[in-house]
Amino acid sequence: MTRMGWVRRSLLAMAAAMLVTALGQAHTHLEKSEPADGATLAAAPSSVQLFFNEKPDLKVSKVEVTGPSGKVELGAVHSMAEKDLMAPIKGALGNGKYTVAWQAAGKDGHVQKGTFSFTVQKAQ
């Protein structure tokens, strides 16, 4: 391969890598949550809060929590800060594993979905 061919291929490879990185960062993604994924809590939380890399669109955002007794009743999903969603938990949560399913979209409009779980293990 000639030196010019090597340079051309190297530049194409770098451009492709930058494009993949830019596309991966273009969508809304979950950065952290409260409760944290995999957490074991000694007391039931009063809400679920999700923190994203950009402001989520409340019109398409959803949060659902399911546990040992089925679907958990939540209050209206709202935002407490610019890049978060919060869903108040109505009623008491008993011991067991809970799964949070979320849906959000940012300024690009692409809906992203994910899940995480936490466990409530109150002392008896």
C-alpha atoms as a PDB file:
ATOM      1  CA  MET A   1       0.000   0.000   0.000  1.00  0.00           C
ATOM      2  CA  THR A   2       1.279   3.458  -0.840  1.00  0.00           C
ATOM      3  CA  ARG A   3       1.774   6.073   1.790  1.00  0.00           C
ATOM      4  CA  MET A   4      -1.131   8.107   0.394  1.00  0.00           C
ATOM      5  CA  GLY A   5      -3.400   5.042   0.516  1.00  0.00           C
ATOM      6  CA  TRP A   6      -2.432   4.430   4.157  1.00  0.00           C
ATOM      7  CA  VAL A   7      -3.150   8.054   5.081  1.00  0.00           C
ATOM      8  CA  ARG A   8      -6.506   7.944   3.279  1.00  0.00           C
ATOM      9  CA  ARG A   9      -7.557   4.736   5.078  1.00  0.00           C
ATOM     10  CA  SER A  10      -6.433   6.120   8.436  1.00  0.00           C
ATOM     11  CA  LEU A  11      -8.474   9.279   7.939  1.00  0.00           C
ATOM     12  CA  LEU A  12     -11.544   7.262   6.928  1.00  0.00           C
ATOM     13  CA  ALA A  13     -11.178   5.051  10.003  1.00  0.00           C
ATOM     14  CA  MET A  14     -10.904   8.078  12.300  1.00  0.00           C
ATOM     15  CA  ALA A  15     -13.942   9.735  10.676  1.00  0.00           C
ATOM     16  CA  ALA A  16     -15.983   6.541  11.075  1.00  0.00           C
ATOM     17  CA  ALA A  17     -14.989   6.261  14.753  1.00  0.00           C
ATOM     18  CA  MET A  18     -15.996   9.883  15.403  1.00  0.00           C
ATOM     19  CA  LEU A  19     -19.337   9.356  13.633  1.00  0.00           C
ATOM     20  CA  VAL A  20     -20.141   6.266  15.714  1.00  0.00           C
ATOM     21  CA  THR A  21     -19.241   8.154  18.901  1.00  0.00           C
ATOM     22  CA  ALA A  22     -21.373  11.158  17.896  1.00  0.00           C
ATOM     23  CA  LEU A  23     -24.361   8.954  17.036  1.00  0.00           C
ATOM     24  CA  GLY A  24     -24.083   7.125  20.349  1.00  0.00           C
ATOM     25  CA  GLN A  25     -24.113  10.398  22.252  1.00  0.00           C
ATOM     26  CA  ALA A  26     -26.992  11.897  20.268  1.00  0.00           C
ATOM     27  CA  HIS A  27     -29.707   9.985  22.113  1.00  0.00           C
ATOM     28  CA  THR A  28     -30.991  10.398  25.631  1.00  0.00           C
ATOM     29  CA  HIS A  29     -29.438   7.922  28.030  1.00  0.00           C
ATOM     30  CA  LEU A  30     -29.872   7.247  31.712  1.00  0.00           C
ATOM     31  CA  GLU A  31     -26.853   8.365  33.749  1.00  0.00           C
ATOM     32  CA  LYS A  32     -28.052   7.343  37.233  1.00  0.00           C
ATOM     33  CA  SER A  33     -31.139   6.673  39.292  1.00  0.00           C
ATOM     34  CA  GLU A  34     -32.436   6.883  42.837  1.00  0.00           C
ATOM     35  CA  PRO A  35     -32.773   4.163  43.997  1.00  0.00           C
ATOM     36  CA  ALA A  36     -29.644   3.002  42.198  1.00  0.00           C
ATOM     37  CA  ASP A  37     -29.708  -0.041  39.951  1.00  0.00           C
ATOM     38  CA  GLY A  38     -29.151  -3.139  42.080  1.00  0.00           C
ATOM     39  CA  ALA A  39     -29.547  -1.302  45.409  1.00  0.00           C
ATOM     40  CA  THR A  40     -30.932  -3.052  48.481  1.00  0.00           C
ATOM     41  CA  LEU A  41     -32.853  -0.605  50.654  1.00  0.00           C
ATOM     42  CA  ALA A  42     -33.685  -0.916  54.353  1.00  0.00           C
ATOM     43  CA  ALA A  43     -36.683   1.408  53.827  1.00  0.00           C
ATOM     44  CA  ALA A  44     -38.999   1.780  50.869  1.00  0.00           C
ATOM     45  CA  PRO A  45     -38.379   4.852  48.692  1.00  0.00           C
ATOM     46  CA  SER A  46     -41.075   7.514  48.354  1.00  0.00           C
ATOM     47  CA  SER A  47     -40.241   8.115  44.698  1.00  0.00           C
ATOM     48  CA  VAL A  48     -38.163   6.973  41.760  1.00  0.00           C
ATOM     49  CA  GLN A  49     -35.897   9.566  40.174  1.00  0.00           C
ATOM     50  CA  LEU A  50     -34.017   9.154  36.900  1.00  0.00           C
ATOM     51  CA  PHE A  51     -31.166  11.392  35.759  1.00  0.00           C
ATOM     52  CA  PHE A  52     -30.385  11.702  32.034  1.00  0.00           C
ATOM     53  CA  ASN A  53     -27.634  13.204  29.900  1.00  0.00           C
ATOM     54  CA  GLU A  54     -30.129  15.725  28.478  1.00  0.00           C
ATOM     55  CA  LYS A  55     -33.558  17.150  29.241  1.00  0.00           C
ATOM     56  CA  PRO A  56     -36.231  14.488  28.631  1.00  0.00           C
ATOM     57  CA  ASP A  57     -39.454  15.385  26.825  1.00  0.00           C
ATOM     58  CA  LEU A  58     -42.243  14.942  29.388  1.00  0.00           C
ATOM     59  CA  LYS A  59     -44.821  14.309  26.640  1.00  0.00           C
ATOM     60  CA  VAL A  60     -43.253  10.960  25.704  1.00  0.00           C
ATOM     61  CA  SER A  61     -41.630  10.034  29.010  1.00  0.00           C
ATOM     62  CA  LYS A  62     -42.978   7.160  31.087  1.00  0.00           C
ATOM     63  CA  VAL A  63     -41.978   5.417  34.299  1.00  0.00           C
ATOM     64  CA  GLU A  64     -43.500   2.149  35.536  1.00  0.00           C
ATOM     65  CA  VAL A  65     -42.599   0.143  38.614  1.00  0.00           C
ATOM     66  CA  THR A  66     -43.543  -3.498  39.125  1.00  0.00           C
ATOM     67  CA  GLY A  67     -42.930  -5.604  42.201  1.00  0.00           C
ATOM     68  CA  PRO A  68     -43.937  -8.806  43.955  1.00  0.00           C
ATOM     69  CA  SER A  69     -47.613  -7.748  43.992  1.00  0.00           C
ATOM     70  CA  GLY A  70     -47.672  -6.440  40.419  1.00  0.00           C
ATOM     71  CA  LYS A  71     -47.759  -2.886  39.138  1.00  0.00           C
ATOM     72  CA  VAL A  72     -47.011  -0.144  41.697  1.00  0.00           C
ATOM     73  CA  GLU A  73     -49.256   2.926  41.668  1.00  0.00           C
ATOM     74  CA  LEU A  74     -47.292   6.068  40.829  1.00  0.00           C
ATOM     75  CA  GLY A  75     -48.131   9.744  40.815  1.00  0.00           C
ATOM     76  CA  ALA A  76     -47.674  11.891  37.722  1.00  0.00           C
ATOM     77  CA  VAL A  77     -44.202  11.804  36.204  1.00  0.00           C
ATOM     78  CA  HIS A  78     -42.643  15.245  36.405  1.00  0.00           C
ATOM     79  CA  SER A  79     -39.267  16.948  36.387  1.00  0.00           C
ATOM     80  CA  MET A  80     -37.525  18.279  39.495  1.00  0.00           C
ATOM     81  CA  ALA A  81     -34.453  19.554  37.621  1.00  0.00           C
ATOM     82  CA  GLU A  82     -33.564  20.121  33.984  1.00  0.00           C
ATOM     83  CA  LYS A  83     -32.346  16.599  33.184  1.00  0.00           C
ATOM     84  CA  ASP A  84     -34.440  14.334  35.393  1.00  0.00           C
ATOM     85  CA  LEU A  85     -37.754  12.576  35.746  1.00  0.00           C
ATOM     86  CA  MET A  86     -39.434  11.841  39.062  1.00  0.00           C
ATOM     87  CA  ALA A  87     -42.345   9.535  39.777  1.00  0.00           C
ATOM     88  CA  PRO A  88     -43.791   9.615  43.318  1.00  0.00           C
ATOM     89  CA  ILE A  89     -44.709   6.201  44.736  1.00  0.00           C
ATOM     90  CA  LYS A  90     -48.244   6.041  46.119  1.00  0.00           C
ATOM     91  CA  GLY A  91     -48.747   3.624  48.974  1.00  0.00           C
ATOM     92  CA  ALA A  92     -46.322   1.365  50.782  1.00  0.00           C
ATOM     93  CA  LEU A  93     -43.839  -1.001  49.181  1.00  0.00           C
ATOM     94  CA  GLY A  94     -43.312  -4.334  50.873  1.00  0.00           C
ATOM     95  CA  ASN A  95     -40.167  -6.421  50.870  1.00  0.00           C
ATOM     96  CA  GLY A  96     -39.102  -7.751  47.514  1.00  0.00           C
ATOM     97  CA  LYS A  97     -37.520  -6.926  44.181  1.00  0.00           C
ATOM     98  CA  TYR A  98     -38.884  -4.041  42.097  1.00  0.00           C
ATOM     99  CA  THR A  99     -38.249  -3.337  38.437  1.00  0.00           C
ATOM    100  CA  VAL A 100     -38.389   0.157  36.984  1.00  0.00           C
ATOM    101  CA  ALA A 101     -39.125   0.457  33.263  1.00  0.00           C
ATOM    102  CA  TRP A 102     -38.593   3.879  31.736  1.00  0.00           C
ATOM    103  CA  GLN A 103     -39.075   5.588  28.403  1.00  0.00           C
ATOM    104  CA  ALA A 104     -37.700   8.999  27.451  1.00  0.00           C
ATOM    105  CA  ALA A 105     -36.732  11.071  24.436  1.00  0.00           C
ATOM    106  CA  GLY A 106     -34.570  14.139  24.203  1.00  0.00           C
ATOM    107  CA  LYS A 107     -34.291  16.930  21.685  1.00  0.00           C
ATOM    108  CA  ASP A 108     -33.586  14.523  18.809  1.00  0.00           C
ATOM    109  CA  GLY A 109     -37.001  12.884  19.351  1.00  0.00           C
ATOM    110  CA  HIS A 110     -35.709   9.301  19.419  1.00  0.00           C
ATOM    111  CA  VAL A 111     -37.443   7.321  22.159  1.00  0.00           C
ATOM    112  CA  GLN A 112     -35.086   5.342  24.364  1.00  0.00           C
ATOM    113  CA  LYS A 113     -36.174   2.657  26.833  1.00  0.00           C
ATOM    114  CA  GLY A 114     -34.532   0.820  29.678  1.00  0.00           C
ATOM    115  CA  THR A 115     -35.015  -1.011  32.947  1.00  0.00           C
ATOM    116  CA  PHE A 116     -33.287  -1.322  36.292  1.00  0.00           C
ATOM    117  CA  SER A 117     -34.160  -2.926  39.590  1.00  0.00           C
ATOM    118  CA  PHE A 118     -33.846  -2.433  43.325  1.00  0.00           C
ATOM    119  CA  THR A 119     -34.792  -4.506  46.356  1.00  0.00           C
ATOM    120  CA  VAL A 120     -36.606  -3.448  49.521  1.00  0.00           C
ATOM    121  CA  GLN A 121     -35.520  -5.483  52.529  1.00  0.00           C
ATOM    122  CA  LYS A 122     -36.930  -3.918  55.691  1.00  0.00           C
ATOM    123  CA  ALA A 123     -35.814  -5.286  59.059  1.00  0.00           C
ATOM    124  CA  GLN A 124     -38.508  -7.359  60.691  1.00  0.00           C
END
